[in-house]
Amino acid sequence: MNYLVRLQGGWIVKNARTIEDAMNIAVAEAGKRLNPDLDFVEIDVGDVECPKCGEAFKSAFMVAGVALVGLLFEMKVFNAENEEHAARIARYEIGRRLGRIPLDVVEVLEID
């Protein structure tokens, strides 16, 4: 079976001037670590829902030039045994290239 696996990870960016800079830097740095081996992995800044109003906003927080950016990694996994197996494959392949960046499984979808 084939699956689409979405993972999220927290990326720290130092010396960012703005939150937009921090988000761009985080995506670029993650892309550098994944390329060329995993250039097919989609990287984007995740969204977080406000607990009070329910509105979605970008998953980034900055204080004193240091930002924590929530990145979303999307990878297709082919010929996995089940959803759990697909998630383990994605976490292993992405995680070993990112080093000590914590990764959590957000979603696993079966695809054709």
Protein backbone atom coordinates (compact mmCIF):
# COMPACT_ATOMS: atom_id res chain seq x y z
CA MET A 1 0.00 0.00 0.00
CA ASN A 2 1.05 3.58 -0.61
CA TYR A 3 0.69 6.39 1.91
CA LEU A 4 1.06 10.14 2.26
CA VAL A 5 2.72 10.89 5.60
CA ARG A 6 2.73 14.33 7.20
CA LEU A 7 5.18 15.06 10.00
CA GLN A 8 5.71 18.20 12.03
CA GLY A 9 8.92 19.40 13.59
CA GLY A 10 10.12 22.36 15.61
CA TRP A 11 12.91 24.39 14.00
CA ILE A 12 14.90 27.03 15.91
CA VAL A 13 16.13 30.07 13.99
CA LYS A 14 18.55 32.50 15.61
CA ASN A 15 19.16 36.14 14.62
CA ALA A 16 15.99 36.51 12.58
CA ARG A 17 14.85 40.07 11.91
CA THR A 18 11.18 39.30 11.37
CA ILE A 19 8.86 36.36 11.73
CA GLU A 20 8.69 36.11 7.92
CA ASP A 21 12.51 35.90 7.79
CA ALA A 22 12.45 33.17 10.42
CA MET A 23 9.91 31.13 8.47
CA ASN A 24 11.86 31.48 5.21
CA ILE A 25 15.15 30.59 6.91
CA ALA A 26 13.63 27.53 8.60
CA VAL A 27 12.23 26.16 5.32
CA ALA A 28 15.50 26.84 3.48
CA GLU A 29 17.68 25.22 6.15
CA ALA A 30 15.46 22.13 6.33
CA GLY A 31 15.51 21.89 2.53
CA LYS A 32 19.31 22.00 2.48
CA ARG A 33 19.51 19.12 4.93
CA LEU A 34 17.05 16.98 2.95
CA ASN A 35 18.48 17.66 -0.51
CA PRO A 36 19.52 15.95 -2.72
CA ASP A 37 18.48 12.60 -1.19
CA LEU A 38 14.94 13.60 -0.25
CA ASP A 39 14.23 16.46 -2.64
CA PHE A 40 10.70 15.06 -3.11
CA VAL A 41 9.71 15.90 0.48
CA GLU A 42 7.44 18.95 0.63
CA ILE A 43 8.34 21.44 3.38
CA ASP A 44 6.04 24.19 4.59
CA VAL A 45 5.33 26.20 7.71
CA GLY A 46 2.50 24.56 9.61
CA ASP A 47 -0.67 26.17 10.91
CA VAL A 48 -1.91 26.35 14.49
CA GLU A 49 -5.45 27.06 15.57
CA CYS A 50 -6.08 29.78 18.15
CA PRO A 51 -7.70 28.13 21.18
CA LYS A 52 -9.85 31.19 21.85
CA CYS A 53 -11.19 32.25 18.44
CA GLY A 54 -10.46 29.16 16.32
CA GLU A 55 -8.65 31.14 13.61
CA ALA A 56 -5.64 29.48 11.97
CA PHE A 57 -2.27 31.25 11.93
CA LYS A 58 1.28 30.31 10.97
CA SER A 59 3.11 28.16 13.48
CA ALA A 60 5.94 30.52 14.38
CA PHE A 61 6.88 32.34 17.56
CA MET A 62 9.70 34.86 17.95
CA VAL A 63 11.28 36.51 20.98
CA ALA A 64 14.46 38.63 20.96
CA GLY A 65 15.52 37.51 17.49
CA VAL A 66 15.13 33.78 18.22
CA ALA A 67 12.23 31.98 16.59
CA LEU A 68 10.61 28.59 16.93
CA VAL A 69 9.02 27.64 13.62
CA GLY A 70 6.71 24.66 13.26
CA LEU A 71 7.53 22.95 9.97
CA LEU A 72 5.33 20.47 8.15
CA PHE A 73 7.03 17.71 6.13
CA GLU A 74 5.02 15.74 3.59
CA MET A 75 6.36 12.52 2.06
CA LYS A 76 4.87 9.72 -0.04
CA VAL A 77 5.80 6.24 1.17
CA PHE A 78 5.34 3.36 -1.26
CA ASN A 79 4.82 -0.35 -0.52
CA ALA A 80 4.41 0.01 3.24
CA GLU A 81 2.69 -2.75 5.21
CA ASN A 82 0.30 -0.40 7.05
CA GLU A 83 -0.08 3.19 8.31
CA GLU A 84 2.25 2.64 11.26
CA HIS A 85 4.94 1.18 9.01
CA ALA A 86 4.64 4.13 6.61
CA ALA A 87 4.95 6.59 9.50
CA ARG A 88 8.07 4.80 10.81
CA ILE A 89 9.67 4.89 7.35
CA ALA A 90 8.99 8.62 6.94
CA ARG A 91 10.23 9.48 10.45
CA TYR A 92 13.39 7.46 9.88
CA GLU A 93 14.22 8.85 6.44
CA ILE A 94 13.50 12.48 7.30
CA GLY A 95 14.73 12.29 10.90
CA ARG A 96 18.16 10.90 10.12
CA ARG A 97 18.87 13.84 7.80
CA LEU A 98 17.56 16.51 10.17
CA GLY A 99 19.57 15.39 13.17
CA ARG A 100 18.14 16.30 16.56
CA ILE A 101 14.96 17.96 15.26
CA PRO A 102 11.96 16.37 17.02
CA LEU A 103 9.33 14.95 14.64
CA ASP A 104 5.73 13.96 15.32
CA VAL A 105 3.32 12.23 12.95
CA VAL A 106 0.43 14.54 12.08
CA GLU A 107 -1.42 12.45 9.53
CA VAL A 108 -1.10 9.27 7.45
CA LEU A 109 -3.38 8.92 4.42
CA GLU A 110 -3.69 5.96 2.09
CA ILE A 111 -3.21 6.96 -1.57
CA ASP A 112 -3.62 5.15 -4.88
